Amino acid sequence: IGLYVEDIRDSLAFRRALLRAAAAGKPVIAIKAGRSQAGAA
């Protein structure tokens, strides 16, 4: 599973989903945008 994420709106639901993927043996490769001031805007 590849993932491009700007904002995690529900962190608990997000964690549960990632744990579900891990339990299924499926790696999640994530790119998180918004780490810089301009990117966050």
PDB file of all heavy atoms in Angstrom:
ATOM      1  N   ILE A   1       0.847  -1.197   0.000  1.00  0.00           N
ATOM      2  CA  ILE A   1       0.000   0.000   0.000  1.00  0.00           C
ATOM      3  C   ILE A   1       0.878   1.241   0.000  1.00  0.00           C
ATOM      4  O   ILE A   1       1.729   1.418   0.883  1.00  0.00           O
ATOM      5  CB  ILE A   1      -0.922   0.026   1.232  1.00  0.00           C
ATOM      6  CG1 ILE A   1      -1.817  -1.224   1.253  1.00  0.00           C
ATOM      7  CG2 ILE A   1      -1.780   1.300   1.247  1.00  0.00           C
ATOM      8  CD1 ILE A   1      -2.555  -1.425   2.558  1.00  0.00           C
ATOM      9  N   GLY A   2       0.706   2.097  -1.000  1.00  0.00           N
ATOM     10  CA  GLY A   2       1.367   3.396  -1.038  1.00  0.00           C
ATOM     11  C   GLY A   2       0.417   4.458  -0.516  1.00  0.00           C
ATOM     12  O   GLY A   2      -0.798   4.358  -0.705  1.00  0.00           O
ATOM     13  N   LEU A   3       0.951   5.492   0.117  1.00  0.00           N
ATOM     14  CA  LEU A   3       0.108   6.502   0.764  1.00  0.00           C
ATOM     15  C   LEU A   3       0.729   7.880   0.640  1.00  0.00           C
ATOM     16  O   LEU A   3       1.905   8.074   0.949  1.00  0.00           O
ATOM     17  CB  LEU A   3      -0.074   6.143   2.246  1.00  0.00           C
ATOM     18  CG  LEU A   3      -0.783   7.155   3.137  1.00  0.00           C
ATOM     19  CD1 LEU A   3      -2.244   7.286   2.741  1.00  0.00           C
ATOM     20  CD2 LEU A   3      -0.674   6.722   4.608  1.00  0.00           C
ATOM     21  N   TYR A   4      -0.059   8.838   0.167  1.00  0.00           N
ATOM     22  CA  TYR A   4       0.326  10.259   0.228  1.00  0.00           C
ATOM     23  C   TYR A   4      -0.664  10.945   1.144  1.00  0.00           C
ATOM     24  O   TYR A   4      -1.868  10.962   0.871  1.00  0.00           O
ATOM     25  CB  TYR A   4       0.304  10.902  -1.165  1.00  0.00           C
ATOM     26  CG  TYR A   4       0.553  12.395  -1.120  1.00  0.00           C
ATOM     27  CD1 TYR A   4       1.849  12.898  -1.082  1.00  0.00           C
ATOM     28  CD2 TYR A   4      -0.512  13.295  -1.067  1.00  0.00           C
ATOM     29  CE1 TYR A   4       2.085  14.267  -1.021  1.00  0.00           C
ATOM     30  CE2 TYR A   4      -0.291  14.663  -0.994  1.00  0.00           C
ATOM     31  CZ  TYR A   4       1.009  15.137  -0.977  1.00  0.00           C
ATOM     32  OH  TYR A   4       1.232  16.493  -0.893  1.00  0.00           O
ATOM     33  N   VAL A   5      -0.181  11.494   2.237  1.00  0.00           N
ATOM     34  CA  VAL A   5      -1.080  12.077   3.239  1.00  0.00           C
ATOM     35  C   VAL A   5      -0.652  13.509   3.571  1.00  0.00           C
ATOM     36  O   VAL A   5       0.525  13.808   3.736  1.00  0.00           O
ATOM     37  CB  VAL A   5      -1.119  11.195   4.520  1.00  0.00           C
ATOM     38  CG1 VAL A   5       0.253  11.074   5.157  1.00  0.00           C
ATOM     39  CG2 VAL A   5      -2.139  11.710   5.509  1.00  0.00           C
ATOM     40  N   GLU A   6      -1.645  14.387   3.628  1.00  0.00           N
ATOM     41  CA  GLU A   6      -1.415  15.788   4.006  1.00  0.00           C
ATOM     42  C   GLU A   6      -1.787  16.024   5.461  1.00  0.00           C
ATOM     43  O   GLU A   6      -1.096  16.735   6.183  1.00  0.00           O
ATOM     44  CB  GLU A   6      -2.248  16.708   3.098  1.00  0.00           C
ATOM     45  CG  GLU A   6      -1.849  16.634   1.642  1.00  0.00           C
ATOM     46  CD  GLU A   6      -2.827  17.345   0.723  1.00  0.00           C
ATOM     47  OE1 GLU A   6      -4.014  17.469   1.068  1.00  0.00           O
ATOM     48  OE2 GLU A   6      -2.391  17.772  -0.360  1.00  0.00           O
ATOM     49  N   ASP A   7      -2.900  15.420   5.884  1.00  0.00           N
ATOM     50  CA  ASP A   7      -3.410  15.667   7.232  1.00  0.00           C
ATOM     51  C   ASP A   7      -4.127  14.419   7.730  1.00  0.00           C
ATOM     52  O   ASP A   7      -4.945  13.852   7.019  1.00  0.00           O
ATOM     53  CB  ASP A   7      -4.384  16.858   7.211  1.00  0.00           C
ATOM     54  CG  ASP A   7      -4.941  17.175   8.587  1.00  0.00           C
ATOM     55  OD1 ASP A   7      -4.190  17.049   9.573  1.00  0.00           O
ATOM     56  OD2 ASP A   7      -6.125  17.540   8.676  1.00  0.00           O
ATOM     57  N   ILE A   8      -3.803  13.986   8.949  1.00  0.00           N
ATOM     58  CA  ILE A   8      -4.469  12.835   9.553  1.00  0.00           C
ATOM     59  C   ILE A   8      -5.582  13.367  10.434  1.00  0.00           C
ATOM     60  O   ILE A   8      -5.338  13.939  11.497  1.00  0.00           O
ATOM     61  CB  ILE A   8      -3.478  11.984  10.365  1.00  0.00           C
ATOM     62  CG1 ILE A   8      -2.372  11.454   9.438  1.00  0.00           C
ATOM     63  CG2 ILE A   8      -4.198  10.826  11.047  1.00  0.00           C
ATOM     64  CD1 ILE A   8      -1.214  10.822  10.177  1.00  0.00           C
ATOM     65  N   ARG A   9      -6.814  13.181   9.996  1.00  0.00           N
ATOM     66  CA  ARG A   9      -7.951  13.790  10.685  1.00  0.00           C
ATOM     67  C   ARG A   9      -8.376  13.012  11.932  1.00  0.00           C
ATOM     68  O   ARG A   9      -8.866  13.585  12.892  1.00  0.00           O
ATOM     69  CB  ARG A   9      -9.128  13.920   9.717  1.00  0.00           C
ATOM     70  CG  ARG A   9      -8.872  14.967   8.628  1.00  0.00           C
ATOM     71  CD  ARG A   9      -9.842  14.823   7.463  1.00  0.00           C
ATOM     72  NE  ARG A   9      -9.711  15.906   6.512  1.00  0.00           N
ATOM     73  CZ  ARG A   9      -8.747  16.004   5.608  1.00  0.00           C
ATOM     74  NH1 ARG A   9      -7.810  15.075   5.556  1.00  0.00           N
ATOM     75  NH2 ARG A   9      -8.694  17.027   4.772  1.00  0.00           N
ATOM     76  N   ASP A  10      -8.206  11.700  11.916  1.00  0.00           N
ATOM     77  CA  ASP A  10      -8.584  10.850  13.048  1.00  0.00           C
ATOM     78  C   ASP A  10      -7.405   9.917  13.308  1.00  0.00           C
ATOM     79  O   ASP A  10      -7.275   8.867  12.677  1.00  0.00           O
ATOM     80  CB  ASP A  10      -9.852  10.063  12.719  1.00  0.00           C
ATOM     81  CG  ASP A  10     -10.364   9.241  13.897  1.00  0.00           C
ATOM     82  OD1 ASP A  10      -9.566   8.923  14.801  1.00  0.00           O
ATOM     83  OD2 ASP A  10     -11.564   8.900  13.898  1.00  0.00           O
ATOM     84  N   SER A  11      -6.538  10.297  14.246  1.00  0.00           N
ATOM     85  CA  SER A  11      -5.288   9.564  14.449  1.00  0.00           C
ATOM     86  C   SER A  11      -5.530   8.141  14.944  1.00  0.00           C
ATOM     87  O   SER A  11      -4.796   7.216  14.583  1.00  0.00           O
ATOM     88  CB  SER A  11      -4.380  10.317  15.421  1.00  0.00           C
ATOM     89  OG  SER A  11      -5.030  10.509  16.666  1.00  0.00           O
ATOM     90  N   LEU A  12      -6.574   7.935  15.767  1.00  0.00           N
ATOM     91  CA  LEU A  12      -6.849   6.595  16.275  1.00  0.00           C
ATOM     92  C   LEU A  12      -7.316   5.677  15.145  1.00  0.00           C
ATOM     93  O   LEU A  12      -6.862   4.535  15.022  1.00  0.00           O
ATOM     94  CB  LEU A  12      -7.891   6.654  17.382  1.00  0.00           C
ATOM     95  CG  LEU A  12      -8.254   5.314  18.042  1.00  0.00           C
ATOM     96  CD1 LEU A  12      -7.013   4.632  18.604  1.00  0.00           C
ATOM     97  CD2 LEU A  12      -9.288   5.538  19.142  1.00  0.00           C
ATOM     98  N   ALA A  13      -8.219   6.168  14.286  1.00  0.00           N
ATOM     99  CA  ALA A  13      -8.676   5.376  13.146  1.00  0.00           C
ATOM    100  C   ALA A  13      -7.519   5.076  12.200  1.00  0.00           C
ATOM    101  O   ALA A  13      -7.414   3.962  11.653  1.00  0.00           O
ATOM    102  CB  ALA A  13      -9.781   6.115  12.399  1.00  0.00           C
ATOM    103  N   PHE A  14      -6.636   6.037  12.032  1.00  0.00           N
ATOM    104  CA  PHE A  14      -5.475   5.863  11.156  1.00  0.00           C
ATOM    105  C   PHE A  14      -4.556   4.775  11.711  1.00  0.00           C
ATOM    106  O   PHE A  14      -4.091   3.894  10.984  1.00  0.00           O
ATOM    107  CB  PHE A  14      -4.739   7.191  11.034  1.00  0.00           C
ATOM    108  CG  PHE A  14      -3.647   7.215   9.997  1.00  0.00           C
ATOM    109  CD1 PHE A  14      -3.956   7.241   8.649  1.00  0.00           C
ATOM    110  CD2 PHE A  14      -2.315   7.218  10.378  1.00  0.00           C
ATOM    111  CE1 PHE A  14      -2.954   7.272   7.689  1.00  0.00           C
ATOM    112  CE2 PHE A  14      -1.309   7.246   9.426  1.00  0.00           C
ATOM    113  CZ  PHE A  14      -1.631   7.274   8.077  1.00  0.00           C
ATOM    114  N   ARG A  15      -4.299   4.817  13.018  1.00  0.00           N
ATOM    115  CA  ARG A  15      -3.447   3.809  13.653  1.00  0.00           C
ATOM    116  C   ARG A  15      -4.084   2.423  13.539  1.00  0.00           C
ATOM    117  O   ARG A  15      -3.410   1.431  13.255  1.00  0.00           O
ATOM    118  CB  ARG A  15      -3.208   4.171  15.119  1.00  0.00           C
ATOM    119  CG  ARG A  15      -2.290   3.176  15.828  1.00  0.00           C
ATOM    120  CD  ARG A  15      -1.897   3.670  17.199  1.00  0.00           C
ATOM    121  NE  ARG A  15      -3.039   3.732  18.096  1.00  0.00           N
ATOM    122  CZ  ARG A  15      -2.943   4.169  19.355  1.00  0.00           C
ATOM    123  NH1 ARG A  15      -1.795   4.624  19.812  1.00  0.00           N
ATOM    124  NH2 ARG A  15      -4.009   4.183  20.128  1.00  0.00           N
ATOM    125  N   ARG A  16      -5.385   2.343  13.781  1.00  0.00           N
ATOM    126  CA  ARG A  16      -6.069   1.052  13.664  1.00  0.00           C
ATOM    127  C   ARG A  16      -5.935   0.487  12.253  1.00  0.00           C
ATOM    128  O   ARG A  16      -5.740  -0.720  12.068  1.00  0.00           O
ATOM    129  CB  ARG A  16      -7.541   1.226  14.018  1.00  0.00           C
ATOM    130  CG  ARG A  16      -7.809   1.392  15.511  1.00  0.00           C
ATOM    131  CD  ARG A  16      -9.239   1.803  15.750  1.00  0.00           C
ATOM    132  NE  ARG A  16      -9.575   1.791  17.172  1.00  0.00           N
ATOM    133  CZ  ARG A  16     -10.555   2.503  17.717  1.00  0.00           C
ATOM    134  NH1 ARG A  16     -11.303   3.289  16.949  1.00  0.00           N
ATOM    135  NH2 ARG A  16     -10.805   2.422  19.012  1.00  0.00           N
ATOM    136  N   ALA A  17      -6.060   1.343  11.246  1.00  0.00           N
ATOM    137  CA  ALA A  17      -5.945   0.883   9.863  1.00  0.00           C
ATOM    138  C   ALA A  17      -4.537   0.376   9.568  1.00  0.00           C
ATOM    139  O   ALA A  17      -4.357  -0.656   8.904  1.00  0.00           O
ATOM    140  CB  ALA A  17      -6.317   2.012   8.909  1.00  0.00           C
ATOM    141  N   LEU A  18      -3.522   1.094  10.064  1.00  0.00           N
ATOM    142  CA  LEU A  18      -2.142   0.670   9.848  1.00  0.00           C
ATOM    143  C   LEU A  18      -1.856  -0.653  10.550  1.00  0.00           C
ATOM    144  O   LEU A  18      -1.162  -1.527  10.000  1.00  0.00           O
ATOM    145  CB  LEU A  18      -1.179   1.746  10.341  1.00  0.00           C
ATOM    146  CG  LEU A  18      -1.186   3.060   9.550  1.00  0.00           C
ATOM    147  CD1 LEU A  18      -0.246   4.064  10.202  1.00  0.00           C
ATOM    148  CD2 LEU A  18      -0.784   2.822   8.104  1.00  0.00           C
ATOM    149  N   LEU A  19      -2.376  -0.825  11.759  1.00  0.00           N
ATOM    150  CA  LEU A  19      -2.208  -2.087  12.463  1.00  0.00           C
ATOM    151  C   LEU A  19      -2.890  -3.232  11.720  1.00  0.00           C
ATOM    152  O   LEU A  19      -2.393  -4.362  11.678  1.00  0.00           O
ATOM    153  CB  LEU A  19      -2.776  -1.981  13.886  1.00  0.00           C
ATOM    154  CG  LEU A  19      -1.934  -1.181  14.880  1.00  0.00           C
ATOM    155  CD1 LEU A  19      -2.716  -0.903  16.148  1.00  0.00           C
ATOM    156  CD2 LEU A  19      -0.646  -1.929  15.212  1.00  0.00           C
ATOM    157  N   ARG A  20      -4.028  -2.926  11.118  1.00  0.00           N
ATOM    158  CA  ARG A  20      -4.751  -3.931  10.334  1.00  0.00           C
ATOM    159  C   ARG A  20      -3.918  -4.344   9.122  1.00  0.00           C
ATOM    160  O   ARG A  20      -3.839  -5.536   8.783  1.00  0.00           O
ATOM    161  CB  ARG A  20      -6.095  -3.349   9.907  1.00  0.00           C
ATOM    162  CG  ARG A  20      -7.067  -4.334   9.299  1.00  0.00           C
ATOM    163  CD  ARG A  20      -8.441  -3.685   9.236  1.00  0.00           C
ATOM    164  NE  ARG A  20      -9.380  -4.499   8.495  1.00  0.00           N
ATOM    165  CZ  ARG A  20     -10.006  -5.560   8.986  1.00  0.00           C
ATOM    166  NH1 ARG A  20      -9.781  -5.921  10.234  1.00  0.00           N
ATOM    167  NH2 ARG A  20     -10.852  -6.261   8.253  1.00  0.00           N
ATOM    168  N   ALA A  21      -3.286  -3.374   8.458  1.00  0.00           N
ATOM    169  CA  ALA A  21      -2.421  -3.681   7.322  1.00  0.00           C
ATOM    170  C   ALA A  21      -1.206  -4.491   7.774  1.00  0.00           C
ATOM    171  O   ALA A  21      -0.797  -5.450   7.099  1.00  0.00           O
ATOM    172  CB  ALA A  21      -1.979  -2.399   6.639  1.00  0.00           C
ATOM    173  N   ALA A  22      -0.631  -4.118   8.918  1.00  0.00           N
ATOM    174  CA  ALA A  22       0.528  -4.849   9.443  1.00  0.00           C
ATOM    175  C   ALA A  22       0.159  -6.288   9.769  1.00  0.00           C
ATOM    176  O   ALA A  22       0.916  -7.220   9.480  1.00  0.00           O
ATOM    177  CB  ALA A  22       1.073  -4.135  10.679  1.00  0.00           C
ATOM    178  N   ALA A  23      -1.013  -6.487  10.373  1.00  0.00           N
ATOM    179  CA  ALA A  23      -1.465  -7.836  10.716  1.00  0.00           C
ATOM    180  C   ALA A  23      -1.671  -8.684   9.471  1.00  0.00           C
ATOM    181  O   ALA A  23      -1.515  -9.903   9.509  1.00  0.00           O
ATOM    182  CB  ALA A  23      -2.760  -7.767  11.519  1.00  0.00           C
ATOM    183  N   ALA A  24      -1.991  -8.037   8.351  1.00  0.00           N
ATOM    184  CA  ALA A  24      -2.184  -8.742   7.084  1.00  0.00           C
ATOM    185  C   ALA A  24      -0.873  -8.934   6.329  1.00  0.00           C
ATOM    186  O   ALA A  24      -0.865  -9.516   5.235  1.00  0.00           O
ATOM    187  CB  ALA A  24      -3.175  -7.984   6.206  1.00  0.00           C
ATOM    188  N   GLY A  25       0.230  -8.417   6.887  1.00  0.00           N
ATOM    189  CA  GLY A  25       1.538  -8.554   6.255  1.00  0.00           C
ATOM    190  C   GLY A  25       1.744  -7.647   5.060  1.00  0.00           C
ATOM    191  O   GLY A  25       2.542  -7.950   4.168  1.00  0.00           O
ATOM    192  N   LYS A  26       1.036  -6.514   5.048  1.00  0.00           N
ATOM    193  CA  LYS A  26       1.133  -5.598   3.911  1.00  0.00           C
ATOM    194  C   LYS A  26       1.836  -4.306   4.335  1.00  0.00           C
ATOM    195  O   LYS A  26       1.294  -3.539   5.134  1.00  0.00           O
ATOM    196  CB  LYS A  26      -0.264  -5.281   3.364  1.00  0.00           C
ATOM    197  CG  LYS A  26      -0.984  -6.515   2.846  1.00  0.00           C
ATOM    198  CD  LYS A  26      -2.344  -6.198   2.269  1.00  0.00           C
ATOM    199  CE  LYS A  26      -3.031  -7.479   1.797  1.00  0.00           C
ATOM    200  NZ  LYS A  26      -4.337  -7.228   1.167  1.00  0.00           N
ATOM    201  N   PRO A  27       3.033  -4.041   3.811  1.00  0.00           N
ATOM    202  CA  PRO A  27       3.722  -2.798   4.162  1.00  0.00           C
ATOM    203  C   PRO A  27       2.982  -1.584   3.610  1.00  0.00           C
ATOM    204  O   PRO A  27       2.376  -1.635   2.535  1.00  0.00           O
ATOM    205  CB  PRO A  27       5.096  -2.949   3.506  1.00  0.00           C
ATOM    206  CG  PRO A  27       4.917  -3.988   2.455  1.00  0.00           C
ATOM    207  CD  PRO A  27       3.818  -4.893   2.909  1.00  0.00           C
ATOM    208  N   VAL A  28       3.030  -0.491   4.374  1.00  0.00           N
ATOM    209  CA  VAL A  28       2.465   0.789   3.941  1.00  0.00           C
ATOM    210  C   VAL A  28       3.615   1.772   3.772  1.00  0.00           C
ATOM    211  O   VAL A  28       4.327   2.079   4.739  1.00  0.00           O
ATOM    212  CB  VAL A  28       1.446   1.343   4.956  1.00  0.00           C
ATOM    213  CG1 VAL A  28       0.919   2.700   4.498  1.00  0.00           C
ATOM    214  CG2 VAL A  28       0.291   0.363   5.147  1.00  0.00           C
ATOM    215  N   ILE A  29       3.817   2.245   2.560  1.00  0.00           N
ATOM    216  CA  ILE A  29       4.897   3.176   2.255  1.00  0.00           C
ATOM    217  C   ILE A  29       4.283   4.563   2.148  1.00  0.00           C
ATOM    218  O   ILE A  29       3.484   4.830   1.243  1.00  0.00           O
ATOM    219  CB  ILE A  29       5.594   2.794   0.937  1.00  0.00           C
ATOM    220  CG1 ILE A  29       6.105   1.348   1.026  1.00  0.00           C
ATOM    221  CG2 ILE A  29       6.735   3.752   0.636  1.00  0.00           C
ATOM    222  CD1 ILE A  29       6.546   0.784  -0.301  1.00  0.00           C
ATOM    223  N   ALA A  30       4.625   5.446   3.070  1.00  0.00           N
ATOM    224  CA  ALA A  30       3.923   6.735   3.184  1.00  0.00           C
ATOM    225  C   ALA A  30       4.824   7.921   2.871  1.00  0.00           C
ATOM    226  O   ALA A  30       6.003   7.942   3.243  1.00  0.00           O
ATOM    227  CB  ALA A  30       3.355   6.890   4.586  1.00  0.00           C
ATOM    228  N   ILE A  31       4.238   8.891   2.189  1.00  0.00           N
ATOM    229  CA  ILE A  31       4.836  10.212   2.007  1.00  0.00           C
ATOM    230  C   ILE A  31       3.955  11.195   2.753  1.00  0.00           C
ATOM    231  O   ILE A  31       2.760  11.283   2.491  1.00  0.00           O
ATOM    232  CB  ILE A  31       4.910  10.616   0.524  1.00  0.00           C
ATOM    233  CG1 ILE A  31       5.763   9.617  -0.274  1.00  0.00           C
ATOM    234  CG2 ILE A  31       5.458  12.033   0.369  1.00  0.00           C
ATOM    235  CD1 ILE A  31       5.710   9.851  -1.774  1.00  0.00           C
ATOM    236  N   LYS A  32       4.521  11.925   3.699  1.00  0.00           N
ATOM    237  CA  LYS A  32       3.766  12.909   4.485  1.00  0.00           C
ATOM    238  C   LYS A  32       4.137  14.306   4.023  1.00  0.00           C
ATOM    239  O   LYS A  32       5.302  14.711   4.110  1.00  0.00           O
ATOM    240  CB  LYS A  32       4.070  12.747   5.981  1.00  0.00           C
ATOM    241  CG  LYS A  32       3.482  13.857   6.868  1.00  0.00           C
ATOM    242  CD  LYS A  32       1.961  13.823   6.847  1.00  0.00           C
ATOM    243  CE  LYS A  32       1.376  14.849   7.835  1.00  0.00           C
ATOM    244  NZ  LYS A  32       1.503  16.245   7.332  1.00  0.00           N
ATOM    245  N   ALA A  33       3.156  15.037   3.514  1.00  0.00           N
ATOM    246  CA  ALA A  33       3.379  16.416   3.079  1.00  0.00           C
ATOM    247  C   ALA A  33       3.148  17.376   4.245  1.00  0.00           C
ATOM    248  O   ALA A  33       2.541  17.011   5.249  1.00  0.00           O
ATOM    249  CB  ALA A  33       2.438  16.761   1.935  1.00  0.00           C
ATOM    250  N   GLY A  34       3.607  18.583   4.097  1.00  0.00           N
ATOM    251  CA  GLY A  34       3.323  19.625   5.076  1.00  0.00           C
ATOM    252  C   GLY A  34       4.316  19.722   6.217  1.00  0.00           C
ATOM    253  O   GLY A  34       3.990  20.246   7.287  1.00  0.00           O
ATOM    254  N   ARG A  35       5.529  19.231   6.030  1.00  0.00           N
ATOM    255  CA  ARG A  35       6.526  19.275   7.104  1.00  0.00           C
ATOM    256  C   ARG A  35       7.190  20.657   7.210  1.00  0.00           C
ATOM    257  O   ARG A  35       7.636  21.048   8.276  1.00  0.00           O
ATOM    258  CB  ARG A  35       7.573  18.197   6.890  1.00  0.00           C
ATOM    259  CG  ARG A  35       6.994  16.783   6.986  1.00  0.00           C
ATOM    260  CD  ARG A  35       7.971  15.730   6.498  1.00  0.00           C
ATOM    261  NE  ARG A  35       9.126  15.638   7.372  1.00  0.00           N
ATOM    262  CZ  ARG A  35       9.200  14.800   8.415  1.00  0.00           C
ATOM    263  NH1 ARG A  35       8.178  14.012   8.703  1.00  0.00           N
ATOM    264  NH2 ARG A  35      10.293  14.746   9.148  1.00  0.00           N
ATOM    265  N   SER A  36       7.245  21.380   6.081  1.00  0.00           N
ATOM    266  CA  SER A  36       7.795  22.734   6.116  1.00  0.00           C
ATOM    267  C   SER A  36       6.652  23.742   6.284  1.00  0.00           C
ATOM    268  O   SER A  36       5.480  23.390   6.174  1.00  0.00           O
ATOM    269  CB  SER A  36       8.544  23.035   4.813  1.00  0.00           C
ATOM    270  OG  SER A  36       7.623  23.100   3.730  1.00  0.00           O
ATOM    271  N   GLN A  37       6.989  25.000   6.549  1.00  0.00           N
ATOM    272  CA  GLN A  37       5.960  26.027   6.724  1.00  0.00           C
ATOM    273  C   GLN A  37       5.141  26.206   5.440  1.00  0.00           C
ATOM    274  O   GLN A  37       3.905  26.252   5.494  1.00  0.00           O
ATOM    275  CB  GLN A  37       6.597  27.355   7.128  1.00  0.00           C
ATOM    276  CG  GLN A  37       5.587  28.441   7.449  1.00  0.00           C
ATOM    277  CD  GLN A  37       6.252  29.728   7.960  1.00  0.00           C
ATOM    278  OE1 GLN A  37       7.465  29.766   8.144  1.00  0.00           O
ATOM    279  NE2 GLN A  37       5.460  30.745   8.220  1.00  0.00           N
ATOM    280  N   ALA A  38       5.829  26.270   4.299  1.00  0.00           N
ATOM    281  CA  ALA A  38       5.117  26.433   3.025  1.00  0.00           C
ATOM    282  C   ALA A  38       4.307  25.195   2.703  1.00  0.00           C
ATOM    283  O   ALA A  38       3.160  25.282   2.235  1.00  0.00           O
ATOM    284  CB  ALA A  38       6.111  26.717   1.911  1.00  0.00           C
ATOM    285  N   GLY A  39       4.859  24.021   2.981  1.00  0.00           N
ATOM    286  CA  GLY A  39       4.142  22.782   2.716  1.00  0.00           C
ATOM    287  C   GLY A  39       2.919  22.638   3.586  1.00  0.00           C
ATOM    288  O   GLY A  39       1.877  22.143   3.139  1.00  0.00           O
ATOM    289  N   ALA A  40       3.028  23.092   4.846  1.00  0.00           N
ATOM    290  CA  ALA A  40       1.886  23.009   5.759  1.00  0.00           C
ATOM    291  C   ALA A  40       0.744  23.895   5.278  1.00  0.00           C
ATOM    292  O   ALA A  40      -0.429  23.518   5.354  1.00  0.00           O
ATOM    293  CB  ALA A  40       2.311  23.422   7.161  1.00  0.00           C
ATOM    294  N   ALA A  41       1.090  25.075   4.735  1.00  0.00           N
ATOM    295  CA  ALA A  41       0.061  25.980   4.224  1.00  0.00           C
ATOM    296  C   ALA A  41      -0.641  25.362   3.021  1.00  0.00           C
ATOM    297  O   ALA A  41      -1.861  25.443   2.876  1.00  0.00           O
ATOM    298  CB  ALA A  41       0.676  27.323   3.862  1.00  0.00           C
TER     299      ALA A  41
END
